[in-house]
All heavy atoms as atom14 arrays in JSON, in Angstrom:
{
  "sequence": "SEPVIVQVLEGEGAISRNREVMGATNPVDAAEGTIRAEFA",
  "atom14_mask": [
    [1, 1, 1, 1, 1, 1, 0, 0, 0, 0, 0, 0, 0, 0],
    [1, 1, 1, 1, 1, 1, 1, 1, 1, 0, 0, 0, 0, 0],
    [1, 1, 1, 1, 1, 1, 1, 0, 0, 0, 0, 0, 0, 0],
    [1, 1, 1, 1, 1, 1, 1, 0, 0, 0, 0, 0, 0, 0],
    [1, 1, 1, 1, 1, 1, 1, 1, 0, 0, 0, 0, 0, 0],
    [1, 1, 1, 1, 1, 1, 1, 0, 0, 0, 0, 0, 0, 0],
    [1, 1, 1, 1, 1, 1, 1, 1, 1, 0, 0, 0, 0, 0],
    [1, 1, 1, 1, 1, 1, 1, 0, 0, 0, 0, 0, 0, 0],
    [1, 1, 1, 1, 1, 1, 1, 1, 0, 0, 0, 0, 0, 0],
    [1, 1, 1, 1, 1, 1, 1, 1, 1, 0, 0, 0, 0, 0],
    [1, 1, 1, 1, 0, 0, 0, 0, 0, 0, 0, 0, 0, 0],
    [1, 1, 1, 1, 1, 1, 1, 1, 1, 0, 0, 0, 0, 0],
    [1, 1, 1, 1, 0, 0, 0, 0, 0, 0, 0, 0, 0, 0],
    [1, 1, 1, 1, 1, 0, 0, 0, 0, 0, 0, 0, 0, 0],
    [1, 1, 1, 1, 1, 1, 1, 1, 0, 0, 0, 0, 0, 0],
    [1, 1, 1, 1, 1, 1, 0, 0, 0, 0, 0, 0, 0, 0],
    [1, 1, 1, 1, 1, 1, 1, 1, 1, 1, 1, 0, 0, 0],
    [1, 1, 1, 1, 1, 1, 1, 1, 0, 0, 0, 0, 0, 0],
    [1, 1, 1, 1, 1, 1, 1, 1, 1, 1, 1, 0, 0, 0],
    [1, 1, 1, 1, 1, 1, 1, 1, 1, 0, 0, 0, 0, 0],
    [1, 1, 1, 1, 1, 1, 1, 0, 0, 0, 0, 0, 0, 0],
    [1, 1, 1, 1, 1, 1, 1, 1, 0, 0, 0, 0, 0, 0],
    [1, 1, 1, 1, 0, 0, 0, 0, 0, 0, 0, 0, 0, 0],
    [1, 1, 1, 1, 1, 0, 0, 0, 0, 0, 0, 0, 0, 0],
    [1, 1, 1, 1, 1, 1, 1, 0, 0, 0, 0, 0, 0, 0],
    [1, 1, 1, 1, 1, 1, 1, 1, 0, 0, 0, 0, 0, 0],
    [1, 1, 1, 1, 1, 1, 1, 0, 0, 0, 0, 0, 0, 0],
    [1, 1, 1, 1, 1, 1, 1, 0, 0, 0, 0, 0, 0, 0],
    [1, 1, 1, 1, 1, 1, 1, 1, 0, 0, 0, 0, 0, 0],
    [1, 1, 1, 1, 1, 0, 0, 0, 0, 0, 0, 0, 0, 0],
    [1, 1, 1, 1, 1, 0, 0, 0, 0, 0, 0, 0, 0, 0],
    [1, 1, 1, 1, 1, 1, 1, 1, 1, 0, 0, 0, 0, 0],
    [1, 1, 1, 1, 0, 0, 0, 0, 0, 0, 0, 0, 0, 0],
    [1, 1, 1, 1, 1, 1, 1, 0, 0, 0, 0, 0, 0, 0],
    [1, 1, 1, 1, 1, 1, 1, 1, 0, 0, 0, 0, 0, 0],
    [1, 1, 1, 1, 1, 1, 1, 1, 1, 1, 1, 0, 0, 0],
    [1, 1, 1, 1, 1, 0, 0, 0, 0, 0, 0, 0, 0, 0],
    [1, 1, 1, 1, 1, 1, 1, 1, 1, 0, 0, 0, 0, 0],
    [1, 1, 1, 1, 1, 1, 1, 1, 1, 1, 1, 0, 0, 0],
    [1, 1, 1, 1, 1, 0, 0, 0, 0, 0, 0, 0, 0, 0]
  ],
  "atom14_positions": [
    [[82.69, 46.01, 105.85], [81.56, 46.68, 106.51], [80.71, 47.53, 105.6], [79.53, 47.76, 105.87], [82.08, 47.53, 107.68], [82.85, 48.63, 107.19], [0.0, 0.0, 0.0], [0.0, 0.0, 0.0], [0.0, 0.0, 0.0], [0.0, 0.0, 0.0], [0.0, 0.0, 0.0], [0.0, 0.0, 0.0], [0.0, 0.0, 0.0], [0.0, 0.0, 0.0]],
    [[81.26, 48.02, 104.53], [80.57, 48.89, 103.56], [81.22, 48.64, 102.2], [82.31, 48.09, 102.13], [80.78, 50.38, 103.91], [80.31, 50.8, 105.27], [78.84, 51.19, 105.31], [78.25, 51.44, 104.23], [78.29, 51.24, 106.42], [0.0, 0.0, 0.0], [0.0, 0.0, 0.0], [0.0, 0.0, 0.0], [0.0, 0.0, 0.0], [0.0, 0.0, 0.0]],
    [[80.59, 49.1, 101.13], [81.24, 48.98, 99.82], [82.55, 49.77, 99.78], [82.75, 50.72, 100.55], [80.23, 49.61, 98.86], [78.91, 49.49, 99.56], [79.23, 49.65, 101.03], [0.0, 0.0, 0.0], [0.0, 0.0, 0.0], [0.0, 0.0, 0.0], [0.0, 0.0, 0.0], [0.0, 0.0, 0.0], [0.0, 0.0, 0.0], [0.0, 0.0, 0.0]],
    [[83.43, 49.36, 98.89], [84.69, 50.05, 98.64], [84.8, 50.34, 97.15], [84.1, 49.73, 96.34], [85.92, 49.23, 99.1], [85.88, 48.98, 100.6], [86.04, 47.91, 98.35], [0.0, 0.0, 0.0], [0.0, 0.0, 0.0], [0.0, 0.0, 0.0], [0.0, 0.0, 0.0], [0.0, 0.0, 0.0], [0.0, 0.0, 0.0], [0.0, 0.0, 0.0]],
    [[85.68, 51.26, 96.8], [85.99, 51.53, 95.4], [87.4, 51.02, 95.16], [88.35, 51.48, 95.8], [85.95, 53.05, 95.07], [84.63, 53.68, 95.48], [86.29, 53.29, 93.59], [83.41, 53.16, 94.77], [0.0, 0.0, 0.0], [0.0, 0.0, 0.0], [0.0, 0.0, 0.0], [0.0, 0.0, 0.0], [0.0, 0.0, 0.0], [0.0, 0.0, 0.0]],
    [[87.53, 50.04, 94.27], [88.86, 49.57, 93.87], [89.18, 50.22, 92.54], [88.3, 50.35, 91.68], [88.94, 48.02, 93.81], [88.8, 47.42, 95.2], [87.91, 47.43, 92.88], [0.0, 0.0, 0.0], [0.0, 0.0, 0.0], [0.0, 0.0, 0.0], [0.0, 0.0, 0.0], [0.0, 0.0, 0.0], [0.0, 0.0, 0.0], [0.0, 0.0, 0.0]],
    [[90.41, 50.65, 92.38], [90.74, 51.37, 91.15], [92.21, 51.25, 90.8], [93.04, 50.94, 91.64], [90.33, 52.83, 91.26], [90.9, 53.56, 92.43], [90.22, 54.91, 92.66], [89.06, 55.11, 92.39], [90.97, 55.85, 93.15], [0.0, 0.0, 0.0], [0.0, 0.0, 0.0], [0.0, 0.0, 0.0], [0.0, 0.0, 0.0], [0.0, 0.0, 0.0]],
    [[92.48, 51.52, 89.54], [93.83, 51.55, 89.02], [94.12, 52.98, 88.59], [93.34, 53.58, 87.83], [94.0, 50.58, 87.83], [95.43, 50.64, 87.29], [93.63, 49.16, 88.22], [0.0, 0.0, 0.0], [0.0, 0.0, 0.0], [0.0, 0.0, 0.0], [0.0, 0.0, 0.0], [0.0, 0.0, 0.0], [0.0, 0.0, 0.0], [0.0, 0.0, 0.0]],
    [[95.21, 53.52, 89.11], [95.63, 54.87, 88.79], [96.89, 54.8, 87.93], [97.75, 53.95, 88.16], [95.93, 55.66, 90.06], [94.82, 55.68, 91.13], [95.31, 56.38, 92.39], [93.56, 56.33, 90.59], [0.0, 0.0, 0.0], [0.0, 0.0, 0.0], [0.0, 0.0, 0.0], [0.0, 0.0, 0.0], [0.0, 0.0, 0.0], [0.0, 0.0, 0.0]],
    [[96.99, 55.71, 86.98], [98.14, 55.73, 86.08], [98.72, 57.13, 86.01], [97.99, 58.12, 86.03], [97.69, 55.3, 84.68], [98.79, 55.23, 83.65], [98.25, 54.78, 82.3], [97.65, 55.62, 81.59], [98.41, 53.59, 81.97], [0.0, 0.0, 0.0], [0.0, 0.0, 0.0], [0.0, 0.0, 0.0], [0.0, 0.0, 0.0], [0.0, 0.0, 0.0]],
    [[100.04, 57.2, 85.91], [100.69, 58.49, 85.77], [102.19, 58.36, 85.94], [102.71, 57.29, 86.26], [0.0, 0.0, 0.0], [0.0, 0.0, 0.0], [0.0, 0.0, 0.0], [0.0, 0.0, 0.0], [0.0, 0.0, 0.0], [0.0, 0.0, 0.0], [0.0, 0.0, 0.0], [0.0, 0.0, 0.0], [0.0, 0.0, 0.0], [0.0, 0.0, 0.0]],
    [[102.89, 59.47, 85.76], [104.33, 59.51, 85.99], [104.59, 59.25, 87.47], [104.05, 59.95, 88.32], [104.91, 60.86, 85.59], [104.86, 61.14, 84.1], [105.78, 60.23, 83.29], [106.89, 59.92, 83.78], [105.38, 59.84, 82.19], [0.0, 0.0, 0.0], [0.0, 0.0, 0.0], [0.0, 0.0, 0.0], [0.0, 0.0, 0.0], [0.0, 0.0, 0.0]],
    [[105.37, 58.23, 87.78], [105.67, 57.91, 89.17], [104.41, 57.7, 89.99], [104.32, 58.15, 91.14], [0.0, 0.0, 0.0], [0.0, 0.0, 0.0], [0.0, 0.0, 0.0], [0.0, 0.0, 0.0], [0.0, 0.0, 0.0], [0.0, 0.0, 0.0], [0.0, 0.0, 0.0], [0.0, 0.0, 0.0], [0.0, 0.0, 0.0], [0.0, 0.0, 0.0]],
    [[103.43, 57.0, 89.43], [102.1, 56.86, 90.05], [102.15, 56.31, 91.48], [101.37, 56.75, 92.33], [101.2, 55.98, 89.18], [0.0, 0.0, 0.0], [0.0, 0.0, 0.0], [0.0, 0.0, 0.0], [0.0, 0.0, 0.0], [0.0, 0.0, 0.0], [0.0, 0.0, 0.0], [0.0, 0.0, 0.0], [0.0, 0.0, 0.0], [0.0, 0.0, 0.0]],
    [[103.03, 55.38, 91.74], [103.07, 54.77, 93.08], [103.46, 55.81, 94.13], [102.76, 56.0, 95.12], [104.0, 53.54, 93.11], [103.42, 52.44, 92.2], [104.19, 53.03, 94.54], [104.39, 51.32, 91.89], [0.0, 0.0, 0.0], [0.0, 0.0, 0.0], [0.0, 0.0, 0.0], [0.0, 0.0, 0.0], [0.0, 0.0, 0.0], [0.0, 0.0, 0.0]],
    [[104.57, 56.49, 93.9], [105.0, 57.49, 94.89], [104.06, 58.69, 94.92], [103.77, 59.22, 96.0], [106.44, 57.93, 94.62], [106.55, 58.53, 93.35], [0.0, 0.0, 0.0], [0.0, 0.0, 0.0], [0.0, 0.0, 0.0], [0.0, 0.0, 0.0], [0.0, 0.0, 0.0], [0.0, 0.0, 0.0], [0.0, 0.0, 0.0], [0.0, 0.0, 0.0]],
    [[103.56, 59.09, 93.78], [102.63, 60.22, 93.75], [101.37, 59.89, 94.53], [100.87, 60.7, 95.31], [102.31, 60.6, 92.31], [101.43, 61.85, 92.24], [101.35, 62.42, 90.89], [102.69, 62.84, 90.49], [102.99, 63.28, 89.28], [102.05, 63.35, 88.36], [104.21, 63.65, 88.98], [0.0, 0.0, 0.0], [0.0, 0.0, 0.0], [0.0, 0.0, 0.0]],
    [[100.83, 58.7, 94.33], [99.63, 58.29, 95.07], [99.89, 58.29, 96.57], [99.06, 58.76, 97.36], [99.14, 56.92, 94.6], [97.89, 56.47, 95.32], [97.0, 57.25, 95.59], [97.83, 55.19, 95.64], [0.0, 0.0, 0.0], [0.0, 0.0, 0.0], [0.0, 0.0, 0.0], [0.0, 0.0, 0.0], [0.0, 0.0, 0.0], [0.0, 0.0, 0.0]],
    [[101.04, 57.79, 96.97], [101.35, 57.73, 98.39], [101.49, 59.13, 98.99], [101.1, 59.38, 100.12], [102.58, 56.87, 98.63], [102.27, 55.4, 98.22], [103.3, 54.41, 98.6], [103.4, 54.18, 100.02], [102.53, 53.46, 100.75], [101.48, 52.91, 100.18], [102.74, 53.29, 102.04], [0.0, 0.0, 0.0], [0.0, 0.0, 0.0], [0.0, 0.0, 0.0]],
    [[102.01, 60.07, 98.21], [102.08, 61.46, 98.65], [100.68, 62.05, 98.84], [100.41, 62.73, 99.82], [102.85, 62.31, 97.65], [104.33, 62.06, 97.63], [105.02, 62.8, 96.5], [104.46, 63.8, 95.99], [106.12, 62.38, 96.11], [0.0, 0.0, 0.0], [0.0, 0.0, 0.0], [0.0, 0.0, 0.0], [0.0, 0.0, 0.0], [0.0, 0.0, 0.0]],
    [[99.8, 61.81, 97.87], [98.43, 62.33, 97.92], [97.65, 61.72, 99.08], [96.85, 62.41, 99.72], [97.7, 62.08, 96.58], [96.24, 62.45, 96.66], [98.37, 62.84, 95.45], [0.0, 0.0, 0.0], [0.0, 0.0, 0.0], [0.0, 0.0, 0.0], [0.0, 0.0, 0.0], [0.0, 0.0, 0.0], [0.0, 0.0, 0.0], [0.0, 0.0, 0.0]],
    [[97.9, 60.44, 99.37], [97.2, 59.78, 100.48], [97.63, 60.37, 101.81], [96.81, 60.58, 102.69], [97.49, 58.28, 100.49], [96.82, 57.52, 99.39], [96.93, 55.71, 99.6], [98.65, 55.42, 99.94], [0.0, 0.0, 0.0], [0.0, 0.0, 0.0], [0.0, 0.0, 0.0], [0.0, 0.0, 0.0], [0.0, 0.0, 0.0], [0.0, 0.0, 0.0]],
    [[98.92, 60.59, 102.0], [99.43, 61.05, 103.29], [99.78, 59.88, 104.2], [99.51, 58.72, 103.89], [0.0, 0.0, 0.0], [0.0, 0.0, 0.0], [0.0, 0.0, 0.0], [0.0, 0.0, 0.0], [0.0, 0.0, 0.0], [0.0, 0.0, 0.0], [0.0, 0.0, 0.0], [0.0, 0.0, 0.0], [0.0, 0.0, 0.0], [0.0, 0.0, 0.0]],
    [[100.35, 60.19, 105.34], [100.77, 59.18, 106.3], [99.58, 58.35, 106.79], [98.46, 58.86, 106.88], [101.47, 59.84, 107.49], [0.0, 0.0, 0.0], [0.0, 0.0, 0.0], [0.0, 0.0, 0.0], [0.0, 0.0, 0.0], [0.0, 0.0, 0.0], [0.0, 0.0, 0.0], [0.0, 0.0, 0.0], [0.0, 0.0, 0.0], [0.0, 0.0, 0.0]],
    [[99.85, 57.09, 107.12], [98.8, 56.18, 107.59], [98.04, 56.76, 108.78], [96.82, 56.69, 108.83], [99.41, 54.81, 107.97], [100.06, 54.28, 106.82], [98.34, 53.84, 108.43], [0.0, 0.0, 0.0], [0.0, 0.0, 0.0], [0.0, 0.0, 0.0], [0.0, 0.0, 0.0], [0.0, 0.0, 0.0], [0.0, 0.0, 0.0], [0.0, 0.0, 0.0]],
    [[98.77, 57.32, 109.71], [98.14, 57.96, 110.86], [97.77, 59.38, 110.45], [98.65, 60.19, 110.15], [99.11, 57.99, 112.05], [98.45, 58.52, 113.31], [97.45, 59.22, 113.26], [99.02, 58.17, 114.45], [0.0, 0.0, 0.0], [0.0, 0.0, 0.0], [0.0, 0.0, 0.0], [0.0, 0.0, 0.0], [0.0, 0.0, 0.0], [0.0, 0.0, 0.0]],
    [[96.49, 59.71, 110.43], [96.07, 61.03, 109.96], [96.68, 62.19, 110.76], [96.85, 63.28, 110.23], [94.55, 61.01, 110.08], [94.22, 59.85, 110.93], [95.35, 58.88, 110.83], [0.0, 0.0, 0.0], [0.0, 0.0, 0.0], [0.0, 0.0, 0.0], [0.0, 0.0, 0.0], [0.0, 0.0, 0.0], [0.0, 0.0, 0.0], [0.0, 0.0, 0.0]],
    [[97.06, 61.94, 112.0], [97.71, 62.97, 112.81], [99.06, 63.36, 112.21], [99.48, 64.52, 112.3], [97.87, 62.48, 114.27], [98.69, 63.44, 115.1], [96.52, 62.22, 114.9], [0.0, 0.0, 0.0], [0.0, 0.0, 0.0], [0.0, 0.0, 0.0], [0.0, 0.0, 0.0], [0.0, 0.0, 0.0], [0.0, 0.0, 0.0], [0.0, 0.0, 0.0]],
    [[99.72, 62.4, 111.57], [101.02, 62.63, 110.97], [100.95, 63.02, 109.49], [101.97, 63.34, 108.88], [101.89, 61.36, 111.08], [102.11, 60.94, 112.52], [102.17, 61.83, 113.4], [102.22, 59.72, 112.76], [0.0, 0.0, 0.0], [0.0, 0.0, 0.0], [0.0, 0.0, 0.0], [0.0, 0.0, 0.0], [0.0, 0.0, 0.0], [0.0, 0.0, 0.0]],
    [[99.76, 62.99, 108.91], [99.59, 63.27, 107.49], [99.72, 64.76, 107.2], [99.21, 65.6, 107.95], [98.23, 62.75, 107.01], [0.0, 0.0, 0.0], [0.0, 0.0, 0.0], [0.0, 0.0, 0.0], [0.0, 0.0, 0.0], [0.0, 0.0, 0.0], [0.0, 0.0, 0.0], [0.0, 0.0, 0.0], [0.0, 0.0, 0.0], [0.0, 0.0, 0.0]],
    [[100.4, 65.07, 106.12], [100.59, 66.47, 105.72], [99.25, 67.12, 105.36], [98.34, 66.46, 104.84], [101.54, 66.54, 104.53], [0.0, 0.0, 0.0], [0.0, 0.0, 0.0], [0.0, 0.0, 0.0], [0.0, 0.0, 0.0], [0.0, 0.0, 0.0], [0.0, 0.0, 0.0], [0.0, 0.0, 0.0], [0.0, 0.0, 0.0], [0.0, 0.0, 0.0]],
    [[99.18, 68.4, 105.62], [97.98, 69.17, 105.29], [97.67, 69.03, 103.81], [98.57, 69.03, 102.97], [98.23, 70.64, 105.63], [97.0, 71.5, 105.5], [97.23, 72.93, 105.94], [98.03, 73.14, 106.87], [96.62, 73.83, 105.34], [0.0, 0.0, 0.0], [0.0, 0.0, 0.0], [0.0, 0.0, 0.0], [0.0, 0.0, 0.0], [0.0, 0.0, 0.0]],
    [[96.38, 68.88, 103.5], [95.94, 68.76, 102.12], [95.91, 67.35, 101.58], [95.39, 67.11, 100.5], [0.0, 0.0, 0.0], [0.0, 0.0, 0.0], [0.0, 0.0, 0.0], [0.0, 0.0, 0.0], [0.0, 0.0, 0.0], [0.0, 0.0, 0.0], [0.0, 0.0, 0.0], [0.0, 0.0, 0.0], [0.0, 0.0, 0.0], [0.0, 0.0, 0.0]],
    [[96.48, 66.39, 102.33], [96.43, 65.0, 101.87], [95.07, 64.39, 102.19], [94.31, 64.91, 103.02], [97.54, 64.14, 102.53], [97.34, 64.12, 103.94], [98.93, 64.69, 102.19], [0.0, 0.0, 0.0], [0.0, 0.0, 0.0], [0.0, 0.0, 0.0], [0.0, 0.0, 0.0], [0.0, 0.0, 0.0], [0.0, 0.0, 0.0], [0.0, 0.0, 0.0]],
    [[94.77, 63.3, 101.55], [93.49, 62.62, 101.75], [93.3, 62.23, 103.21], [92.25, 62.5, 103.8], [93.38, 61.38, 100.84], [93.31, 61.81, 99.37], [92.18, 60.51, 101.22], [93.5, 60.69, 98.36], [0.0, 0.0, 0.0], [0.0, 0.0, 0.0], [0.0, 0.0, 0.0], [0.0, 0.0, 0.0], [0.0, 0.0, 0.0], [0.0, 0.0, 0.0]],
    [[94.3, 61.63, 103.8], [94.16, 61.17, 105.18], [94.08, 62.33, 106.17], [93.34, 62.25, 107.15], [95.27, 60.2, 105.54], [95.09, 58.87, 104.8], [96.23, 57.92, 105.05], [95.96, 56.61, 104.48], [96.9, 55.79, 104.07], [98.18, 56.14, 104.16], [96.59, 54.6, 103.58], [0.0, 0.0, 0.0], [0.0, 0.0, 0.0], [0.0, 0.0, 0.0]],
    [[94.79, 63.41, 105.92], [94.69, 64.58, 106.81], [93.28, 65.16, 106.76], [92.74, 65.57, 107.78], [95.71, 65.64, 106.41], [0.0, 0.0, 0.0], [0.0, 0.0, 0.0], [0.0, 0.0, 0.0], [0.0, 0.0, 0.0], [0.0, 0.0, 0.0], [0.0, 0.0, 0.0], [0.0, 0.0, 0.0], [0.0, 0.0, 0.0], [0.0, 0.0, 0.0]],
    [[92.68, 65.16, 105.59], [91.35, 65.75, 105.43], [90.2, 64.82, 105.79], [89.19, 65.27, 106.33], [91.16, 66.25, 104.0], [91.96, 67.48, 103.69], [91.61, 68.09, 102.35], [90.44, 68.0, 101.93], [92.52, 68.65, 101.74], [0.0, 0.0, 0.0], [0.0, 0.0, 0.0], [0.0, 0.0, 0.0], [0.0, 0.0, 0.0], [0.0, 0.0, 0.0]],
    [[90.33, 63.54, 105.48], [89.17, 62.66, 105.55], [89.25, 61.48, 106.52], [88.22, 60.92, 106.89], [88.85, 62.11, 104.15], [88.65, 63.16, 103.11], [89.38, 63.15, 101.95], [87.71, 64.17, 103.29], [89.19, 64.12, 100.97], [87.51, 65.15, 102.33], [88.26, 65.12, 101.16], [0.0, 0.0, 0.0], [0.0, 0.0, 0.0], [0.0, 0.0, 0.0]],
    [[90.44, 61.05, 106.9], [90.56, 59.86, 107.76], [89.91, 60.09, 109.11], [89.98, 61.19, 109.66], [92.02, 59.47, 107.94], [0.0, 0.0, 0.0], [0.0, 0.0, 0.0], [0.0, 0.0, 0.0], [0.0, 0.0, 0.0], [0.0, 0.0, 0.0], [0.0, 0.0, 0.0], [0.0, 0.0, 0.0], [0.0, 0.0, 0.0], [0.0, 0.0, 0.0]]
  ]
}
């Protein structure tokens, strides 16, 4: 429906760290400060 940004992230434990930063799929369940809690 709109453009997207595809990207590769690198870091120590990048997969789990990214998933923590994103937050739970359902924004209602996402921890405060995560991307999904703030923006979804």
